Amino acid sequence: MQSSHAALEKLIGQVSEVILGKDTAIRQCVTCLLAGGHLLIEDLPGVGKTTLAHALAISMGLHFSRVQFTSDLLPADVTGVSVFERGHESGGAGRFIFHPGPIFSEVLLADEVNRATPKTQSALLEAMEERQVSVDGQTRPLPEPFFVIATQNPFHQVGTFPLPESQLDRFLMCITLGYPDARAERALLEGEDRRSMMKKLQQVFNSAELLKFQQEVGKIHASVALIDYIQALVAASRSSSLFAEGLSPRGALAVLQASRAWALLARRDHVMPEDVQAIWVPVTNHRLRAAQSGQRTGQRELAAQLLASVAVP
C-alpha cells in the first residue's frame, strides 16, 4: 500500500486533471471526506459540480449512486420501499420484501438537492447524522464509509426549495466552484471530453484504506492554544452583530475535525492556526446566517470578516 500522503496527492492530482483550475476546491472536498463529513457544492449549473463528485467517488474506489432531485421525488425513491410479494404456487405465504434505495451506497450524489420538496430533503437527515435508515419500523445500517455529496443551485433560480438550517448543519462543508480562469477554460475547450476522461480514471485506494486515513485524521494533535483559537472564533460568531445566531457546538467540532484533516493533507501531525483559517469559510459559511436578511454581503464574505477580526492567540 502506498503511503497516505502519496496516495492522497495522487488522488488530488488525478481529479485536478478532470476539474481544471480548481485545486483549492478539490483539496477542500478531499478534506471533507477524510474528516468523515458530508459535502455541499453550491453553484450555477454547468461548472462541474456533478463531474467533481463522480471523479472523487471513482478515484476513491467507492460504490457510487446518483439521484436527480426533482419536485416530484418521494422519500421512498431515496431510502427504498417494501414491496409485497406473493407466495409460490406451493402455497407459501406472501411477505413484504425491502428493496434498498440508492442511499445504500458508499457515496450518494444528491444532485440539485434543493429542487426537491422539504419532505424529500428530510429523508436524508437520519442517514447523514446516524448513518442509518428507518423504514417500516425497522432500522437498517448504511455502508461504511458513507458520504453524501449534494449539489444545489443558487436560491434565486426558479423551482428551488431552500434547505432548512437543520439540514445544512449536517454538511461538514459547503463550497463553491465558480467559473474557471481563462487559462483553465482554454485548456477545457481544447482538451479531451470530460466524459471520456472519466472512463480513464484509476482507483487510487479502496474503502478500507480510506477508513484508515480517517483514523489517522483522528490522531492529529490539537494543542491547548489551538483549541483556544477555535473557541475564540466560535465565541466571536455568537457575539457578533453580523449574524442571527452563532456557531453551535456541532459547528465547533466540525471546525476542529476539518482542521485536522487539512493538517494531514499538509503532511503534519499537529494542527496549526493556518489549518483552521484554510477551512474556516467552507465549514462555517452555511451555518452562519446574516442578521439582516436583505444584506448584500454574502455569507462567505461575512465568515471571512469574522475570521479576520479574531487574533491568533
Protein backbone atom coordinates (compact mmCIF):
# COMPACT_ATOMS: atom_id res chain seq x y z
CA MET A 1 0.00 0.00 0.00
CA GLN A 2 1.27 3.47 -0.84
CA SER A 3 1.95 5.91 1.97
CA SER A 4 -1.02 8.03 2.99
CA HIS A 5 0.41 11.24 1.62
CA ALA A 6 1.46 9.79 -1.73
CA ALA A 7 -1.98 8.23 -2.26
CA LEU A 8 -3.78 11.42 -1.28
CA GLU A 9 -1.63 13.58 -3.56
CA LYS A 10 -2.24 11.15 -6.41
CA LEU A 11 -5.98 11.39 -5.75
CA ILE A 12 -5.93 15.20 -5.83
CA GLY A 13 -3.74 15.24 -8.92
CA GLN A 14 -5.99 12.84 -10.81
CA VAL A 15 -9.18 14.75 -10.04
CA SER A 16 -7.42 18.03 -10.93
CA GLU A 17 -6.85 16.70 -14.44
CA VAL A 18 -10.63 16.46 -14.89
CA ILE A 19 -11.70 19.58 -12.97
CA LEU A 20 -9.26 22.21 -14.23
CA GLY A 21 -8.08 25.20 -12.23
CA LYS A 22 -9.85 24.22 -9.00
CA ASP A 23 -7.04 22.76 -6.88
CA THR A 24 -8.15 24.50 -3.68
CA ALA A 25 -11.76 23.35 -4.06
CA ILE A 26 -10.60 19.77 -4.71
CA ARG A 27 -8.42 19.84 -1.59
CA GLN A 28 -11.41 21.09 0.38
CA CYS A 29 -13.50 18.19 -0.95
CA VAL A 30 -10.86 15.62 -0.01
CA THR A 31 -10.50 17.25 3.41
CA CYS A 32 -14.24 16.93 3.96
CA LEU A 33 -14.27 13.23 3.07
CA LEU A 34 -11.17 12.47 5.16
CA ALA A 35 -12.89 14.14 8.10
CA GLY A 36 -15.88 11.82 7.61
CA GLY A 37 -18.24 14.64 6.74
CA HIS A 38 -20.80 15.34 4.05
CA LEU A 39 -20.21 17.89 1.31
CA LEU A 40 -22.50 20.52 -0.23
CA ILE A 41 -21.45 22.14 -3.51
CA GLU A 42 -23.44 25.27 -4.32
CA ASP A 43 -23.04 26.90 -7.72
CA LEU A 44 -24.54 27.58 -11.10
CA PRO A 45 -25.36 24.67 -13.43
CA GLY A 46 -22.56 23.61 -15.73
CA VAL A 47 -19.46 24.47 -13.65
CA GLY A 48 -18.55 20.84 -12.90
CA LYS A 49 -20.28 20.02 -9.60
CA THR A 50 -21.56 16.59 -10.67
CA THR A 51 -18.35 15.73 -12.52
CA LEU A 52 -16.29 16.55 -9.42
CA ALA A 53 -18.42 14.32 -7.19
CA HIS A 54 -18.27 11.44 -9.66
CA ALA A 55 -14.49 11.77 -10.13
CA LEU A 56 -13.92 11.66 -6.37
CA ALA A 57 -16.04 8.53 -5.96
CA ILE A 58 -14.28 6.69 -8.80
CA SER A 59 -10.81 7.68 -7.59
CA MET A 60 -11.57 6.54 -4.05
CA GLY A 61 -12.92 3.21 -5.27
CA LEU A 62 -16.30 3.75 -3.62
CA HIS A 63 -19.70 2.41 -4.67
CA PHE A 64 -21.50 5.39 -6.16
CA SER A 65 -25.18 6.19 -6.61
CA ARG A 66 -26.71 9.31 -8.11
CA VAL A 67 -30.19 10.68 -7.50
CA GLN A 68 -31.54 13.57 -9.53
CA PHE A 69 -33.66 15.51 -7.07
CA THR A 70 -36.86 16.93 -8.56
CA SER A 71 -40.07 18.38 -7.16
CA ASP A 72 -41.92 15.06 -7.59
CA LEU A 73 -39.24 12.88 -5.96
CA LEU A 74 -40.57 10.92 -2.96
CA PRO A 75 -38.63 9.91 0.19
CA ALA A 76 -39.05 6.23 -0.75
CA ASP A 77 -37.27 6.96 -4.04
CA VAL A 78 -34.17 7.69 -1.95
CA THR A 79 -34.40 5.32 1.02
CA GLY A 80 -36.13 2.33 -0.58
CA VAL A 81 -39.52 0.67 -0.31
CA SER A 82 -41.08 -2.59 0.88
CA VAL A 83 -43.00 -4.46 -1.83
CA PHE A 84 -45.42 -7.29 -1.13
CA GLU A 85 -44.50 -10.44 -2.98
CA ARG A 86 -46.97 -13.29 -3.18
CA GLY A 87 -46.06 -16.79 -2.12
CA HIS A 88 -45.17 -19.57 -4.55
CA GLU A 89 -47.79 -21.80 -6.13
CA SER A 90 -46.94 -24.44 -3.50
CA GLY A 91 -48.91 -22.39 -1.00
CA GLY A 92 -46.20 -20.37 0.73
CA ALA A 93 -47.35 -17.20 2.43
CA GLY A 94 -46.59 -13.88 0.81
CA ARG A 95 -44.37 -11.32 2.54
CA PHE A 96 -43.00 -7.83 2.21
CA ILE A 97 -39.53 -7.60 0.71
CA PHE A 98 -37.46 -4.45 1.24
CA HIS A 99 -35.84 -3.06 -1.88
CA PRO A 100 -32.98 -0.73 -0.86
CA GLY A 101 -32.89 2.71 -2.43
CA PRO A 102 -29.83 4.47 -3.83
CA ILE A 103 -28.94 5.79 -0.37
CA PHE A 104 -27.48 2.35 0.41
CA SER A 105 -24.17 3.16 -1.25
CA GLU A 106 -20.83 4.47 -0.05
CA VAL A 107 -21.22 7.75 -1.93
CA LEU A 108 -24.64 9.24 -2.64
CA LEU A 109 -24.69 12.13 -5.07
CA ALA A 110 -27.81 14.15 -4.32
CA ASP A 111 -27.87 16.22 -7.50
CA GLU A 112 -29.68 19.57 -7.27
CA VAL A 113 -30.91 18.66 -3.78
CA ASN A 114 -32.78 21.94 -3.34
CA ARG A 115 -35.12 21.17 -6.23
CA ALA A 116 -36.85 18.51 -4.10
CA THR A 117 -39.59 19.33 -1.60
CA PRO A 118 -38.70 19.68 2.10
CA LYS A 119 -40.33 16.30 2.81
CA THR A 120 -37.93 14.54 0.46
CA GLN A 121 -34.97 16.59 1.65
CA SER A 122 -35.71 15.43 5.20
CA ALA A 123 -35.26 11.80 4.12
CA LEU A 124 -31.52 12.49 4.20
CA LEU A 125 -31.42 13.77 7.79
CA GLU A 126 -31.28 10.46 9.65
CA ALA A 127 -28.89 8.96 7.11
CA MET A 128 -26.44 11.85 7.32
CA GLU A 129 -26.41 12.06 11.10
CA GLU A 130 -26.96 8.49 12.30
CA ARG A 131 -25.61 6.58 9.27
CA GLN A 132 -28.80 4.52 9.21
CA VAL A 133 -32.24 4.50 7.62
CA SER A 134 -35.55 3.68 9.33
CA VAL A 135 -38.19 2.26 7.01
CA ASP A 136 -41.39 0.44 8.04
CA GLY A 137 -40.35 0.45 11.69
CA GLN A 138 -37.01 -1.23 11.02
CA THR A 139 -33.60 0.41 11.24
CA ARG A 140 -31.07 -0.53 8.59
CA PRO A 141 -27.40 0.49 8.80
CA LEU A 142 -25.74 2.20 5.87
CA PRO A 143 -22.39 1.12 4.38
CA GLU A 144 -19.16 2.34 5.91
CA PRO A 145 -17.78 4.70 4.81
CA PHE A 146 -20.86 6.69 3.82
CA PHE A 147 -20.79 10.14 2.26
CA VAL A 148 -23.43 12.44 0.86
CA ILE A 149 -22.16 14.81 -1.80
CA ALA A 150 -25.01 17.18 -2.60
CA THR A 151 -25.16 19.88 -5.23
CA GLN A 152 -27.55 22.78 -5.23
CA ASN A 153 -28.33 25.70 -7.50
CA PRO A 154 -28.47 29.28 -6.22
CA PHE A 155 -31.74 30.13 -4.48
CA HIS A 156 -32.68 32.81 -6.97
CA GLN A 157 -33.20 30.19 -9.67
CA VAL A 158 -36.72 29.00 -10.47
CA GLY A 159 -38.03 25.86 -8.76
CA THR A 160 -35.78 25.67 -5.70
CA PHE A 161 -36.69 24.93 -2.07
CA PRO A 162 -34.14 26.35 0.39
CA LEU A 163 -32.55 23.76 2.68
CA PRO A 164 -33.55 24.30 6.33
CA GLU A 165 -30.86 25.09 8.90
CA SER A 166 -31.12 21.58 10.40
CA GLN A 167 -30.32 20.08 7.00
CA LEU A 168 -27.49 22.50 6.27
CA ASP A 169 -25.89 21.75 9.62
CA ARG A 170 -25.45 18.10 8.60
CA PHE A 171 -22.99 19.15 5.91
CA LEU A 172 -19.45 19.49 7.19
CA MET A 173 -18.53 21.82 4.34
CA CYS A 174 -20.24 23.97 1.75
CA ILE A 175 -18.06 25.05 -1.15
CA THR A 176 -18.46 26.82 -4.46
CA LEU A 177 -16.52 26.17 -7.66
CA GLY A 178 -17.12 29.32 -9.66
CA TYR A 179 -16.09 29.92 -13.25
CA PRO A 180 -12.66 28.67 -14.35
CA ASP A 181 -9.99 31.23 -15.10
CA ALA A 182 -9.16 31.99 -18.73
CA ARG A 183 -6.22 29.57 -18.87
CA ALA A 184 -8.17 26.65 -17.40
CA GLU A 185 -11.18 27.34 -19.60
CA ARG A 186 -8.95 27.40 -22.70
CA ALA A 187 -7.50 24.01 -21.74
CA LEU A 188 -11.04 22.76 -21.18
CA LEU A 189 -12.16 23.90 -24.62
CA GLU A 190 -9.13 22.48 -26.41
CA GLY A 191 -8.81 19.31 -24.35
CA GLU A 192 -10.41 15.91 -24.24
CA ASP A 193 -14.11 15.45 -23.49
CA ARG A 194 -14.65 15.20 -19.73
CA ARG A 195 -16.88 12.13 -20.06
CA SER A 196 -14.13 10.29 -21.92
CA MET A 197 -11.62 11.27 -19.25
CA MET A 198 -13.90 9.93 -16.51
CA LYS A 199 -13.73 6.48 -18.09
CA LYS A 200 -9.94 6.52 -17.78
CA LEU A 201 -9.81 7.43 -14.08
CA GLN A 202 -7.97 4.91 -11.93
CA GLN A 203 -8.87 3.76 -8.45
CA VAL A 204 -6.26 5.25 -6.12
CA PHE A 205 -7.29 3.32 -3.00
CA ASN A 206 -10.25 1.39 -1.63
CA SER A 207 -12.81 1.95 1.10
CA ALA A 208 -10.78 0.05 3.72
CA GLU A 209 -7.78 2.29 3.10
CA LEU A 210 -10.00 5.36 3.24
CA LEU A 211 -11.20 4.31 6.69
CA LYS A 212 -7.55 4.06 7.77
CA PHE A 213 -6.93 7.59 6.52
CA GLN A 214 -9.89 8.78 8.58
CA GLN A 215 -8.40 7.11 11.65
CA GLU A 216 -5.16 8.99 11.00
CA VAL A 217 -7.13 12.25 10.98
CA GLY A 218 -8.37 11.49 14.50
CA LYS A 219 -4.76 11.15 15.70
CA ILE A 220 -3.68 14.62 14.53
CA HIS A 221 -2.78 16.61 17.65
CA ALA A 222 -4.57 19.84 18.54
CA SER A 223 -2.79 21.88 21.22
CA VAL A 224 -4.44 23.81 24.04
CA ALA A 225 -3.60 27.08 22.29
CA LEU A 226 -5.20 25.83 19.08
CA ILE A 227 -8.39 24.88 20.93
CA ASP A 228 -8.34 28.36 22.48
CA TYR A 229 -8.22 29.86 18.98
CA ILE A 230 -11.20 27.82 17.80
CA GLN A 231 -13.15 28.75 20.93
CA ALA A 232 -12.37 32.43 20.37
CA LEU A 233 -13.70 32.21 16.81
CA VAL A 234 -16.85 30.40 17.95
CA ALA A 235 -17.44 32.93 20.74
CA ALA A 236 -16.99 35.81 18.29
CA SER A 237 -19.62 34.30 15.98
CA ARG A 238 -22.09 34.21 18.88
CA SER A 239 -21.49 37.79 19.98
CA SER A 240 -21.19 39.35 16.52
CA SER A 241 -23.96 41.60 15.27
CA LEU A 242 -23.34 40.29 11.75
CA PHE A 243 -25.15 37.01 12.35
CA ALA A 244 -28.60 36.00 13.52
CA GLU A 245 -27.05 33.26 15.65
CA GLY A 246 -23.56 31.92 16.23
CA LEU A 247 -21.96 28.55 15.67
CA SER A 248 -23.33 25.59 17.59
CA PRO A 249 -21.11 23.08 19.45
CA ARG A 250 -21.55 20.81 16.41
CA GLY A 251 -20.12 23.61 14.27
CA ALA A 252 -17.14 23.99 16.62
CA LEU A 253 -16.43 20.26 16.40
CA ALA A 254 -16.69 20.47 12.61
CA VAL A 255 -14.04 23.21 12.54
CA LEU A 256 -11.67 21.10 14.64
CA GLN A 257 -12.20 17.90 12.64
CA ALA A 258 -11.77 19.63 9.29
CA SER A 259 -8.63 21.39 10.58
CA ARG A 260 -7.15 18.02 11.48
CA ALA A 261 -7.89 16.65 8.02
CA TRP A 262 -6.34 19.72 6.35
CA ALA A 263 -3.23 19.27 8.52
CA LEU A 264 -2.98 15.64 7.39
CA LEU A 265 -3.04 16.76 3.75
CA ALA A 266 -0.23 19.21 4.61
CA ARG A 267 1.82 16.28 5.99
CA ARG A 268 1.74 17.45 9.60
CA ASP A 269 0.92 15.52 12.77
CA HIS A 270 -0.46 18.60 14.52
CA VAL A 271 -2.94 21.37 13.73
CA MET A 272 -1.72 24.91 13.16
CA PRO A 273 -3.75 28.16 13.02
CA GLU A 274 -3.36 28.29 9.23
CA ASP A 275 -5.20 24.96 9.02
CA VAL A 276 -8.15 26.49 10.86
CA GLN A 277 -8.01 29.54 8.61
CA ALA A 278 -7.92 27.39 5.46
CA ILE A 279 -11.14 25.53 6.28
CA TRP A 280 -13.00 28.21 8.26
CA VAL A 281 -15.11 29.66 5.43
CA PRO A 282 -16.24 26.36 3.82
CA VAL A 283 -17.07 24.88 7.24
CA THR A 284 -18.96 27.89 8.62
CA ASN A 285 -20.49 29.88 5.75
CA HIS A 286 -23.63 27.73 5.51
CA ARG A 287 -24.03 27.71 9.31
CA LEU A 288 -23.79 31.48 9.83
CA ARG A 289 -26.91 33.32 8.74
CA ALA A 290 -26.73 37.09 8.22
CA ALA A 291 -28.59 39.10 10.86
CA GLN A 292 -30.22 41.24 8.17
CA SER A 293 -31.99 39.18 5.51
CA GLY A 294 -31.60 41.92 2.90
CA GLN A 295 -27.88 42.33 3.49
CA ARG A 296 -25.90 42.38 0.27
CA THR A 297 -22.73 40.90 1.71
CA GLY A 298 -22.69 37.14 1.16
CA GLN A 299 -22.31 34.57 3.91
CA ARG A 300 -18.83 33.61 2.72
CA GLU A 301 -17.67 37.21 2.92
CA LEU A 302 -19.16 37.59 6.40
CA ALA A 303 -17.46 34.40 7.60
CA ALA A 304 -14.15 35.71 6.23
CA GLN A 305 -14.68 39.04 8.01
CA LEU A 306 -15.23 37.24 11.29
CA LEU A 307 -12.07 35.17 10.80
CA ALA A 308 -10.02 38.32 10.15
CA SER A 309 -11.39 40.00 13.28
CA VAL A 310 -10.08 37.36 15.71
CA ALA A 311 -6.38 37.43 16.56
CA VAL A 312 -4.35 34.23 16.73
CA PRO A 313 -3.51 33.59 20.42
